[in-house]
Amino acid sequence: PPFGSPANPVDVTAQVINDPQGMTECLSALEADPNVDMMSVV
């Protein structure tokens, strides 16, 4: 959502519950980023 944050940390907000594939897409984007070596999911 617009009130989330695409920066790092990535804030998908609680609205992730309304998008069945939102978490997967965000994780895939982080994995593909050359500046990221490992991931923390909170």
PDB file of all heavy atoms in Angstrom:
ATOM      1  N   PRO A   1       0.827  -1.210   0.000  1.00  0.00           N
ATOM      2  CA  PRO A   1       0.000   0.000   0.000  1.00  0.00           C
ATOM      3  C   PRO A   1       0.862   1.260   0.000  1.00  0.00           C
ATOM      4  O   PRO A   1       2.045   1.218   0.346  1.00  0.00           O
ATOM      5  CB  PRO A   1      -0.803  -0.128   1.298  1.00  0.00           C
ATOM      6  CG  PRO A   1      -0.023  -1.043   2.160  1.00  0.00           C
ATOM      7  CD  PRO A   1       0.667  -1.996   1.242  1.00  0.00           C
ATOM      8  N   PRO A   2       0.270   2.412  -0.378  1.00  0.00           N
ATOM      9  CA  PRO A   2       1.038   3.664  -0.460  1.00  0.00           C
ATOM     10  C   PRO A   2       1.686   4.065   0.864  1.00  0.00           C
ATOM     11  O   PRO A   2       2.723   4.726   0.866  1.00  0.00           O
ATOM     12  CB  PRO A   2      -0.019   4.689  -0.891  1.00  0.00           C
ATOM     13  CG  PRO A   2      -1.104   3.895  -1.524  1.00  0.00           C
ATOM     14  CD  PRO A   2      -1.126   2.572  -0.824  1.00  0.00           C
ATOM     15  N   PHE A   3       1.103   3.649   1.983  1.00  0.00           N
ATOM     16  CA  PHE A   3       1.665   4.035   3.276  1.00  0.00           C
ATOM     17  C   PHE A   3       2.722   3.032   3.766  1.00  0.00           C
ATOM     18  O   PHE A   3       3.233   3.157   4.876  1.00  0.00           O
ATOM     19  CB  PHE A   3       0.556   4.192   4.330  1.00  0.00           C
ATOM     20  CG  PHE A   3      -0.412   3.046   4.386  1.00  0.00           C
ATOM     21  CD1 PHE A   3      -0.145   1.922   5.153  1.00  0.00           C
ATOM     22  CD2 PHE A   3      -1.593   3.086   3.655  1.00  0.00           C
ATOM     23  CE1 PHE A   3      -1.042   0.879   5.195  1.00  0.00           C
ATOM     24  CE2 PHE A   3      -2.487   2.041   3.699  1.00  0.00           C
ATOM     25  CZ  PHE A   3      -2.218   0.923   4.471  1.00  0.00           C
ATOM     26  N   GLY A   4       3.025   2.048   2.943  1.00  0.00           N
ATOM     27  CA  GLY A   4       4.133   1.146   3.248  1.00  0.00           C
ATOM     28  C   GLY A   4       5.448   1.781   2.823  1.00  0.00           C
ATOM     29  O   GLY A   4       5.510   2.939   2.402  1.00  0.00           O
ATOM     30  N   SER A   5       6.535   1.018   2.931  1.00  0.00           N
ATOM     31  CA  SER A   5       7.854   1.538   2.561  1.00  0.00           C
ATOM     32  C   SER A   5       8.604   0.509   1.734  1.00  0.00           C
ATOM     33  O   SER A   5       8.793  -0.628   2.178  1.00  0.00           O
ATOM     34  CB  SER A   5       8.674   1.884   3.808  1.00  0.00           C
ATOM     35  OG  SER A   5      10.010   2.210   3.438  1.00  0.00           O
ATOM     36  N   PRO A   6       9.078   0.896   0.521  1.00  0.00           N
ATOM     37  CA  PRO A   6       9.864  -0.023  -0.299  1.00  0.00           C
ATOM     38  C   PRO A   6      11.356   0.048   0.004  1.00  0.00           C
ATOM     39  O   PRO A   6      12.150  -0.647  -0.621  1.00  0.00           O
ATOM     40  CB  PRO A   6       9.584   0.479  -1.714  1.00  0.00           C
ATOM     41  CG  PRO A   6       9.436   1.959  -1.538  1.00  0.00           C
ATOM     42  CD  PRO A   6       8.795   2.159  -0.187  1.00  0.00           C
ATOM     43  N   ALA A   7      11.730   0.913   0.948  1.00  0.00           N
ATOM     44  CA  ALA A   7      13.143   1.030   1.310  1.00  0.00           C
ATOM     45  C   ALA A   7      13.522  -0.169   2.174  1.00  0.00           C
ATOM     46  O   ALA A   7      12.744  -1.105   2.362  1.00  0.00           O
ATOM     47  CB  ALA A   7      13.388   2.346   2.020  1.00  0.00           C
ATOM     48  N   ASN A   8      14.688  -0.141   2.721  1.00  0.00           N
ATOM     49  CA  ASN A   8      15.159  -1.228   3.581  1.00  0.00           C
ATOM     50  C   ASN A   8      15.321  -0.677   4.986  1.00  0.00           C
ATOM     51  O   ASN A   8      16.146   0.224   5.182  1.00  0.00           O
ATOM     52  CB  ASN A   8      16.504  -1.749   3.055  1.00  0.00           C
ATOM     53  CG  ASN A   8      16.904  -3.083   3.654  1.00  0.00           C
ATOM     54  OD1 ASN A   8      16.107  -3.745   4.307  1.00  0.00           O
ATOM     55  ND2 ASN A   8      18.150  -3.484   3.430  1.00  0.00           N
ATOM     56  N   PRO A   9      14.523  -1.122   5.979  1.00  0.00           N
ATOM     57  CA  PRO A   9      13.591  -2.242   5.957  1.00  0.00           C
ATOM     58  C   PRO A   9      12.370  -1.994   5.060  1.00  0.00           C
ATOM     59  O   PRO A   9      11.861  -0.869   4.986  1.00  0.00           O
ATOM     60  CB  PRO A   9      13.159  -2.361   7.416  1.00  0.00           C
ATOM     61  CG  PRO A   9      14.174  -1.619   8.213  1.00  0.00           C
ATOM     62  CD  PRO A   9      14.664  -0.537   7.327  1.00  0.00           C
ATOM     63  N   VAL A  10      11.889  -3.089   4.437  1.00  0.00           N
ATOM     64  CA  VAL A  10      10.691  -3.032   3.599  1.00  0.00           C
ATOM     65  C   VAL A  10       9.485  -3.247   4.503  1.00  0.00           C
ATOM     66  O   VAL A  10       9.341  -4.297   5.130  1.00  0.00           O
ATOM     67  CB  VAL A  10      10.734  -4.122   2.511  1.00  0.00           C
ATOM     68  CG1 VAL A  10       9.427  -4.120   1.728  1.00  0.00           C
ATOM     69  CG2 VAL A  10      11.932  -3.915   1.594  1.00  0.00           C
ATOM     70  N   ASP A  11       8.616  -2.243   4.589  1.00  0.00           N
ATOM     71  CA  ASP A  11       7.415  -2.339   5.421  1.00  0.00           C
ATOM     72  C   ASP A  11       6.227  -2.654   4.519  1.00  0.00           C
ATOM     73  O   ASP A  11       5.703  -1.773   3.823  1.00  0.00           O
ATOM     74  CB  ASP A  11       7.203  -1.023   6.175  1.00  0.00           C
ATOM     75  CG  ASP A  11       6.001  -1.069   7.107  1.00  0.00           C
ATOM     76  OD1 ASP A  11       5.405  -2.156   7.261  1.00  0.00           O
ATOM     77  OD2 ASP A  11       5.655  -0.017   7.672  1.00  0.00           O
ATOM     78  N   VAL A  12       5.816  -3.930   4.514  1.00  0.00           N
ATOM     79  CA  VAL A  12       4.663  -4.317   3.689  1.00  0.00           C
ATOM     80  C   VAL A  12       3.363  -4.005   4.401  1.00  0.00           C
ATOM     81  O   VAL A  12       2.287  -4.097   3.785  1.00  0.00           O
ATOM     82  CB  VAL A  12       4.733  -5.812   3.312  1.00  0.00           C
ATOM     83  CG1 VAL A  12       5.996  -6.125   2.541  1.00  0.00           C
ATOM     84  CG2 VAL A  12       4.623  -6.697   4.542  1.00  0.00           C
ATOM     85  N   THR A  13       3.438  -3.662   5.692  1.00  0.00           N
ATOM     86  CA  THR A  13       2.302  -3.345   6.568  1.00  0.00           C
ATOM     87  C   THR A  13       1.400  -4.560   6.746  1.00  0.00           C
ATOM     88  O   THR A  13       1.543  -5.577   6.062  1.00  0.00           O
ATOM     89  CB  THR A  13       1.465  -2.165   6.043  1.00  0.00           C
ATOM     90  OG1 THR A  13       0.597  -2.606   4.993  1.00  0.00           O
ATOM     91  CG2 THR A  13       2.343  -1.021   5.563  1.00  0.00           C
ATOM     92  N   ALA A  14       0.464  -4.426   7.645  1.00  0.00           N
ATOM     93  CA  ALA A  14      -0.479  -5.523   7.894  1.00  0.00           C
ATOM     94  C   ALA A  14      -1.394  -5.772   6.709  1.00  0.00           C
ATOM     95  O   ALA A  14      -2.102  -6.784   6.674  1.00  0.00           O
ATOM     96  CB  ALA A  14      -1.306  -5.215   9.143  1.00  0.00           C
ATOM     97  N   GLN A  15      -1.381  -4.866   5.696  1.00  0.00           N
ATOM     98  CA  GLN A  15      -2.223  -5.054   4.517  1.00  0.00           C
ATOM     99  C   GLN A  15      -1.795  -6.266   3.693  1.00  0.00           C
ATOM    100  O   GLN A  15      -2.489  -6.665   2.751  1.00  0.00           O
ATOM    101  CB  GLN A  15      -2.179  -3.800   3.645  1.00  0.00           C
ATOM    102  CG  GLN A  15      -2.826  -2.582   4.284  1.00  0.00           C
ATOM    103  CD  GLN A  15      -4.304  -2.801   4.555  1.00  0.00           C
ATOM    104  OE1 GLN A  15      -5.028  -3.320   3.719  1.00  0.00           O
ATOM    105  NE2 GLN A  15      -4.748  -2.416   5.751  1.00  0.00           N
ATOM    106  N   VAL A  16      -0.645  -6.864   4.050  1.00  0.00           N
ATOM    107  CA  VAL A  16      -0.215  -8.071   3.346  1.00  0.00           C
ATOM    108  C   VAL A  16      -1.282  -9.154   3.445  1.00  0.00           C
ATOM    109  O   VAL A  16      -1.363 -10.054   2.600  1.00  0.00           O
ATOM    110  CB  VAL A  16       1.138  -8.563   3.915  1.00  0.00           C
ATOM    111  CG1 VAL A  16       0.971  -9.143   5.325  1.00  0.00           C
ATOM    112  CG2 VAL A  16       1.767  -9.604   3.008  1.00  0.00           C
ATOM    113  N   ILE A  17      -2.121  -9.070   4.476  1.00  0.00           N
ATOM    114  CA  ILE A  17      -3.143 -10.108   4.646  1.00  0.00           C
ATOM    115  C   ILE A  17      -4.181 -10.059   3.522  1.00  0.00           C
ATOM    116  O   ILE A  17      -4.900 -11.031   3.299  1.00  0.00           O
ATOM    117  CB  ILE A  17      -3.851  -9.973   6.012  1.00  0.00           C
ATOM    118  CG1 ILE A  17      -4.624  -8.662   6.104  1.00  0.00           C
ATOM    119  CG2 ILE A  17      -2.853 -10.069   7.154  1.00  0.00           C
ATOM    120  CD1 ILE A  17      -5.393  -8.501   7.405  1.00  0.00           C
ATOM    121  N   ASN A  18      -4.260  -8.931   2.795  1.00  0.00           N
ATOM    122  CA  ASN A  18      -5.246  -8.815   1.711  1.00  0.00           C
ATOM    123  C   ASN A  18      -4.691  -9.234   0.359  1.00  0.00           C
ATOM    124  O   ASN A  18      -5.427  -9.258  -0.625  1.00  0.00           O
ATOM    125  CB  ASN A  18      -5.750  -7.370   1.629  1.00  0.00           C
ATOM    126  CG  ASN A  18      -6.481  -6.950   2.892  1.00  0.00           C
ATOM    127  OD1 ASN A  18      -7.183  -7.754   3.493  1.00  0.00           O
ATOM    128  ND2 ASN A  18      -6.293  -5.693   3.296  1.00  0.00           N
ATOM    129  N   ASP A  19      -3.386  -9.523   0.292  1.00  0.00           N
ATOM    130  CA  ASP A  19      -2.768  -9.888  -0.984  1.00  0.00           C
ATOM    131  C   ASP A  19      -2.128 -11.263  -0.829  1.00  0.00           C
ATOM    132  O   ASP A  19      -1.096 -11.410  -0.176  1.00  0.00           O
ATOM    133  CB  ASP A  19      -1.701  -8.860  -1.372  1.00  0.00           C
ATOM    134  CG  ASP A  19      -1.112  -9.136  -2.755  1.00  0.00           C
ATOM    135  OD1 ASP A  19      -1.304 -10.257  -3.275  1.00  0.00           O
ATOM    136  OD2 ASP A  19      -0.453  -8.239  -3.302  1.00  0.00           O
ATOM    137  N   PRO A  20      -2.712 -12.290  -1.406  1.00  0.00           N
ATOM    138  CA  PRO A  20      -2.210 -13.650  -1.190  1.00  0.00           C
ATOM    139  C   PRO A  20      -0.811 -13.894  -1.731  1.00  0.00           C
ATOM    140  O   PRO A  20      -0.180 -14.873  -1.370  1.00  0.00           O
ATOM    141  CB  PRO A  20      -3.241 -14.529  -1.910  1.00  0.00           C
ATOM    142  CG  PRO A  20      -3.901 -13.634  -2.897  1.00  0.00           C
ATOM    143  CD  PRO A  20      -3.896 -12.273  -2.283  1.00  0.00           C
ATOM    144  N   GLN A  21      -0.288 -13.024  -2.606  1.00  0.00           N
ATOM    145  CA  GLN A  21       1.049 -13.224  -3.166  1.00  0.00           C
ATOM    146  C   GLN A  21       1.989 -12.048  -2.896  1.00  0.00           C
ATOM    147  O   GLN A  21       3.105 -12.028  -3.399  1.00  0.00           O
ATOM    148  CB  GLN A  21       0.948 -13.458  -4.675  1.00  0.00           C
ATOM    149  CG  GLN A  21       0.326 -14.802  -5.049  1.00  0.00           C
ATOM    150  CD  GLN A  21       1.093 -15.982  -4.460  1.00  0.00           C
ATOM    151  OE1 GLN A  21       2.319 -16.015  -4.513  1.00  0.00           O
ATOM    152  NE2 GLN A  21       0.370 -16.925  -3.890  1.00  0.00           N
ATOM    153  N   GLY A  22       1.552 -11.108  -2.072  1.00  0.00           N
ATOM    154  CA  GLY A  22       2.368  -9.922  -1.839  1.00  0.00           C
ATOM    155  C   GLY A  22       3.687 -10.238  -1.159  1.00  0.00           C
ATOM    156  O   GLY A  22       4.741  -9.703  -1.529  1.00  0.00           O
ATOM    157  N   MET A  23       3.657 -11.097  -0.159  1.00  0.00           N
ATOM    158  CA  MET A  23       4.888 -11.439   0.554  1.00  0.00           C
ATOM    159  C   MET A  23       5.875 -12.142  -0.372  1.00  0.00           C
ATOM    160  O   MET A  23       7.083 -11.845  -0.370  1.00  0.00           O
ATOM    161  CB  MET A  23       4.570 -12.321   1.762  1.00  0.00           C
ATOM    162  CG  MET A  23       5.792 -12.706   2.583  1.00  0.00           C
ATOM    163  SD  MET A  23       6.612 -11.316   3.381  1.00  0.00           S
ATOM    164  CE  MET A  23       5.483 -11.010   4.748  1.00  0.00           C
ATOM    165  N   THR A  24       5.395 -13.047  -1.190  1.00  0.00           N
ATOM    166  CA  THR A  24       6.281 -13.763  -2.114  1.00  0.00           C
ATOM    167  C   THR A  24       6.963 -12.802  -3.074  1.00  0.00           C
ATOM    168  O   THR A  24       8.170 -12.910  -3.339  1.00  0.00           O
ATOM    169  CB  THR A  24       5.489 -14.807  -2.909  1.00  0.00           C
ATOM    170  OG1 THR A  24       4.941 -15.771  -2.011  1.00  0.00           O
ATOM    171  CG2 THR A  24       6.366 -15.515  -3.926  1.00  0.00           C
ATOM    172  N   GLU A  25       6.218 -11.848  -3.619  1.00  0.00           N
ATOM    173  CA  GLU A  25       6.790 -10.904  -4.567  1.00  0.00           C
ATOM    174  C   GLU A  25       7.852 -10.029  -3.900  1.00  0.00           C
ATOM    175  O   GLU A  25       8.915  -9.772  -4.480  1.00  0.00           O
ATOM    176  CB  GLU A  25       5.690 -10.034  -5.168  1.00  0.00           C
ATOM    177  CG  GLU A  25       6.175  -8.971  -6.148  1.00  0.00           C
ATOM    178  CD  GLU A  25       6.865  -9.536  -7.383  1.00  0.00           C
ATOM    179  OE1 GLU A  25       6.752 -10.764  -7.629  1.00  0.00           O
ATOM    180  OE2 GLU A  25       7.527  -8.768  -8.098  1.00  0.00           O
ATOM    181  N   CYS A  26       7.593  -9.588  -2.683  1.00  0.00           N
ATOM    182  CA  CYS A  26       8.574  -8.769  -1.974  1.00  0.00           C
ATOM    183  C   CYS A  26       9.835  -9.570  -1.661  1.00  0.00           C
ATOM    184  O   CYS A  26      10.962  -9.074  -1.814  1.00  0.00           O
ATOM    185  CB  CYS A  26       7.967  -8.215  -0.691  1.00  0.00           C
ATOM    186  SG  CYS A  26       6.701  -6.953  -0.951  1.00  0.00           S
ATOM    187  N   LEU A  27       9.670 -10.814  -1.244  1.00  0.00           N
ATOM    188  CA  LEU A  27      10.825 -11.661  -0.964  1.00  0.00           C
ATOM    189  C   LEU A  27      11.642 -11.916  -2.231  1.00  0.00           C
ATOM    190  O   LEU A  27      12.876 -11.879  -2.212  1.00  0.00           O
ATOM    191  CB  LEU A  27      10.369 -12.990  -0.354  1.00  0.00           C
ATOM    192  CG  LEU A  27       9.870 -12.937   1.095  1.00  0.00           C
ATOM    193  CD1 LEU A  27       9.188 -14.245   1.472  1.00  0.00           C
ATOM    194  CD2 LEU A  27      11.021 -12.644   2.053  1.00  0.00           C
ATOM    195  N   SER A  28      10.955 -12.161  -3.322  1.00  0.00           N
ATOM    196  CA  SER A  28      11.654 -12.404  -4.592  1.00  0.00           C
ATOM    197  C   SER A  28      12.424 -11.170  -5.037  1.00  0.00           C
ATOM    198  O   SER A  28      13.539 -11.267  -5.569  1.00  0.00           O
ATOM    199  CB  SER A  28      10.650 -12.810  -5.673  1.00  0.00           C
ATOM    200  OG  SER A  28       9.998 -14.022  -5.322  1.00  0.00           O
ATOM    201  N   ALA A  29      11.835  -9.985  -4.810  1.00  0.00           N
ATOM    202  CA  ALA A  29      12.524  -8.745  -5.170  1.00  0.00           C
ATOM    203  C   ALA A  29      13.789  -8.565  -4.338  1.00  0.00           C
ATOM    204  O   ALA A  29      14.842  -8.173  -4.849  1.00  0.00           O
ATOM    205  CB  ALA A  29      11.584  -7.553  -4.977  1.00  0.00           C
ATOM    206  N   LEU A  30      13.706  -8.858  -3.028  1.00  0.00           N
ATOM    207  CA  LEU A  30      14.886  -8.755  -2.176  1.00  0.00           C
ATOM    208  C   LEU A  30      15.965  -9.753  -2.599  1.00  0.00           C
ATOM    209  O   LEU A  30      17.149  -9.429  -2.643  1.00  0.00           O
ATOM    210  CB  LEU A  30      14.514  -9.020  -0.715  1.00  0.00           C
ATOM    211  CG  LEU A  30      13.930  -7.861   0.100  1.00  0.00           C
ATOM    212  CD1 LEU A  30      13.684  -8.317   1.528  1.00  0.00           C
ATOM    213  CD2 LEU A  30      14.871  -6.675   0.098  1.00  0.00           C
ATOM    214  N   GLU A  31      15.546 -10.963  -2.908  1.00  0.00           N
ATOM    215  CA  GLU A  31      16.523 -11.979  -3.305  1.00  0.00           C
ATOM    216  C   GLU A  31      17.260 -11.557  -4.577  1.00  0.00           C
ATOM    217  O   GLU A  31      18.460 -11.807  -4.725  1.00  0.00           O
ATOM    218  CB  GLU A  31      15.834 -13.321  -3.525  1.00  0.00           C
ATOM    219  CG  GLU A  31      16.816 -14.430  -3.900  1.00  0.00           C
ATOM    220  CD  GLU A  31      16.125 -15.723  -4.267  1.00  0.00           C
ATOM    221  OE1 GLU A  31      15.039 -15.660  -4.880  1.00  0.00           O
ATOM    222  OE2 GLU A  31      16.667 -16.797  -3.971  1.00  0.00           O
ATOM    223  N   ALA A  32      16.565 -10.905  -5.478  1.00  0.00           N
ATOM    224  CA  ALA A  32      17.176 -10.511  -6.756  1.00  0.00           C
ATOM    225  C   ALA A  32      18.054  -9.275  -6.626  1.00  0.00           C
ATOM    226  O   ALA A  32      18.857  -8.994  -7.522  1.00  0.00           O
ATOM    227  CB  ALA A  32      16.075 -10.260  -7.791  1.00  0.00           C
ATOM    228  N   ASP A  33      17.923  -8.541  -5.522  1.00  0.00           N
ATOM    229  CA  ASP A  33      18.697  -7.300  -5.376  1.00  0.00           C
ATOM    230  C   ASP A  33      20.167  -7.624  -5.128  1.00  0.00           C
ATOM    231  O   ASP A  33      20.509  -8.358  -4.192  1.00  0.00           O
ATOM    232  CB  ASP A  33      18.147  -6.481  -4.206  1.00  0.00           C
ATOM    233  CG  ASP A  33      18.677  -5.057  -4.213  1.00  0.00           C
ATOM    234  OD1 ASP A  33      19.909  -4.895  -4.099  1.00  0.00           O
ATOM    235  OD2 ASP A  33      17.871  -4.124  -4.340  1.00  0.00           O
ATOM    236  N   PRO A  34      21.086  -7.077  -5.918  1.00  0.00           N
ATOM    237  CA  PRO A  34      22.515  -7.385  -5.741  1.00  0.00           C
ATOM    238  C   PRO A  34      23.112  -6.821  -4.461  1.00  0.00           C
ATOM    239  O   PRO A  34      24.217  -7.206  -4.076  1.00  0.00           O
ATOM    240  CB  PRO A  34      23.163  -6.741  -6.972  1.00  0.00           C
ATOM    241  CG  PRO A  34      22.219  -5.654  -7.382  1.00  0.00           C
ATOM    242  CD  PRO A  34      20.852  -6.168  -7.063  1.00  0.00           C
ATOM    243  N   ASN A  35      22.385  -5.901  -3.797  1.00  0.00           N
ATOM    244  CA  ASN A  35      22.878  -5.321  -2.550  1.00  0.00           C
ATOM    245  C   ASN A  35      22.486  -6.119  -1.312  1.00  0.00           C
ATOM    246  O   ASN A  35      22.808  -5.718  -0.192  1.00  0.00           O
ATOM    247  CB  ASN A  35      22.363  -3.887  -2.393  1.00  0.00           C
ATOM    248  CG  ASN A  35      22.873  -2.974  -3.486  1.00  0.00           C
ATOM    249  OD1 ASN A  35      24.032  -3.066  -3.878  1.00  0.00           O
ATOM    250  ND2 ASN A  35      22.009  -2.116  -3.994  1.00  0.00           N
ATOM    251  N   VAL A  36      21.786  -7.235  -1.505  1.00  0.00           N
ATOM    252  CA  VAL A  36      21.286  -8.037  -0.384  1.00  0.00           C
ATOM    253  C   VAL A  36      21.955  -9.406  -0.402  1.00  0.00           C
ATOM    254  O   VAL A  36      21.939 -10.099  -1.419  1.00  0.00           O
ATOM    255  CB  VAL A  36      19.750  -8.192  -0.455  1.00  0.00           C
ATOM    256  CG1 VAL A  36      19.254  -9.190   0.587  1.00  0.00           C
ATOM    257  CG2 VAL A  36      19.068  -6.839  -0.271  1.00  0.00           C
ATOM    258  N   ASP A  37      22.534  -9.788   0.747  1.00  0.00           N
ATOM    259  CA  ASP A  37      23.180 -11.097   0.874  1.00  0.00           C
ATOM    260  C   ASP A  37      22.339 -12.091   1.658  1.00  0.00           C
ATOM    261  O   ASP A  37      22.486 -13.300   1.490  1.00  0.00           O
ATOM    262  CB  ASP A  37      24.533 -10.951   1.578  1.00  0.00           C
ATOM    263  CG  ASP A  37      25.476 -10.038   0.818  1.00  0.00           C
ATOM    264  OD1 ASP A  37      25.654 -10.252  -0.394  1.00  0.00           O
ATOM    265  OD2 ASP A  37      26.023  -9.096   1.433  1.00  0.00           O
ATOM    266  N   MET A  38      21.468 -11.598   2.531  1.00  0.00           N
ATOM    267  CA  MET A  38      20.615 -12.471   3.355  1.00  0.00           C
ATOM    268  C   MET A  38      19.392 -11.687   3.786  1.00  0.00           C
ATOM    269  O   MET A  38      19.363 -10.456   3.668  1.00  0.00           O
ATOM    270  CB  MET A  38      21.391 -12.995   4.561  1.00  0.00           C
ATOM    271  CG  MET A  38      22.122 -11.931   5.331  1.00  0.00           C
ATOM    272  SD  MET A  38      23.283 -12.631   6.522  1.00  0.00           S
ATOM    273  CE  MET A  38      24.252 -11.166   6.906  1.00  0.00           C
ATOM    274  N   MET A  39      18.386 -12.410   4.268  1.00  0.00           N
ATOM    275  CA  MET A  39      17.091 -11.775   4.515  1.00  0.00           C
ATOM    276  C   MET A  39      16.578 -12.052   5.916  1.00  0.00           C
ATOM    277  O   MET A  39      16.727 -13.160   6.446  1.00  0.00           O
ATOM    278  CB  MET A  39      16.076 -12.270   3.488  1.00  0.00           C
ATOM    279  CG  MET A  39      16.340 -11.740   2.094  1.00  0.00           C
ATOM    280  SD  MET A  39      15.288 -12.522   0.853  1.00  0.00           S
ATOM    281  CE  MET A  39      16.156 -14.062   0.621  1.00  0.00           C
ATOM    282  N   SER A  40      15.964 -11.038   6.490  1.00  0.00           N
ATOM    283  CA  SER A  40      15.271 -11.146   7.768  1.00  0.00           C
ATOM    284  C   SER A  40      13.797 -10.851   7.527  1.00  0.00           C
ATOM    285  O   SER A  40      13.448  -9.792   6.994  1.00  0.00           O
ATOM    286  CB  SER A  40      15.852 -10.145   8.774  1.00  0.00           C
ATOM    287  OG  SER A  40      14.981  -9.969   9.869  1.00  0.00           O
ATOM    288  N   VAL A  41      12.933 -11.804   7.898  1.00  0.00           N
ATOM    289  CA  VAL A  41      11.489 -11.615   7.777  1.00  0.00           C
ATOM    290  C   VAL A  41      10.924 -11.434   9.187  1.00  0.00           C
ATOM    291  O   VAL A  41      11.074 -12.316  10.039  1.00  0.00           O
ATOM    292  CB  VAL A  41      10.821 -12.818   7.093  1.00  0.00           C
ATOM    293  CG1 VAL A  41       9.308 -12.607   7.017  1.00  0.00           C
ATOM    294  CG2 VAL A  41      11.403 -13.028   5.708  1.00  0.00           C
ATOM    295  N   VAL A  42      10.305 -10.288   9.438  1.00  0.00           N
ATOM    296  CA  VAL A  42       9.747  -9.991  10.756  1.00  0.00           C
ATOM    297  C   VAL A  42       8.236  -9.812  10.594  1.00  0.00           C
ATOM    298  O   VAL A  42       7.781  -8.850   9.969  1.00  0.00           O
ATOM    299  CB  VAL A  42      10.370  -8.724  11.363  1.00  0.00           C
ATOM    300  CG1 VAL A  42       9.819  -8.482  12.764  1.00  0.00           C
ATOM    301  CG2 VAL A  42      11.893  -8.843  11.410  1.00  0.00           C
TER     302      VAL A  42
END
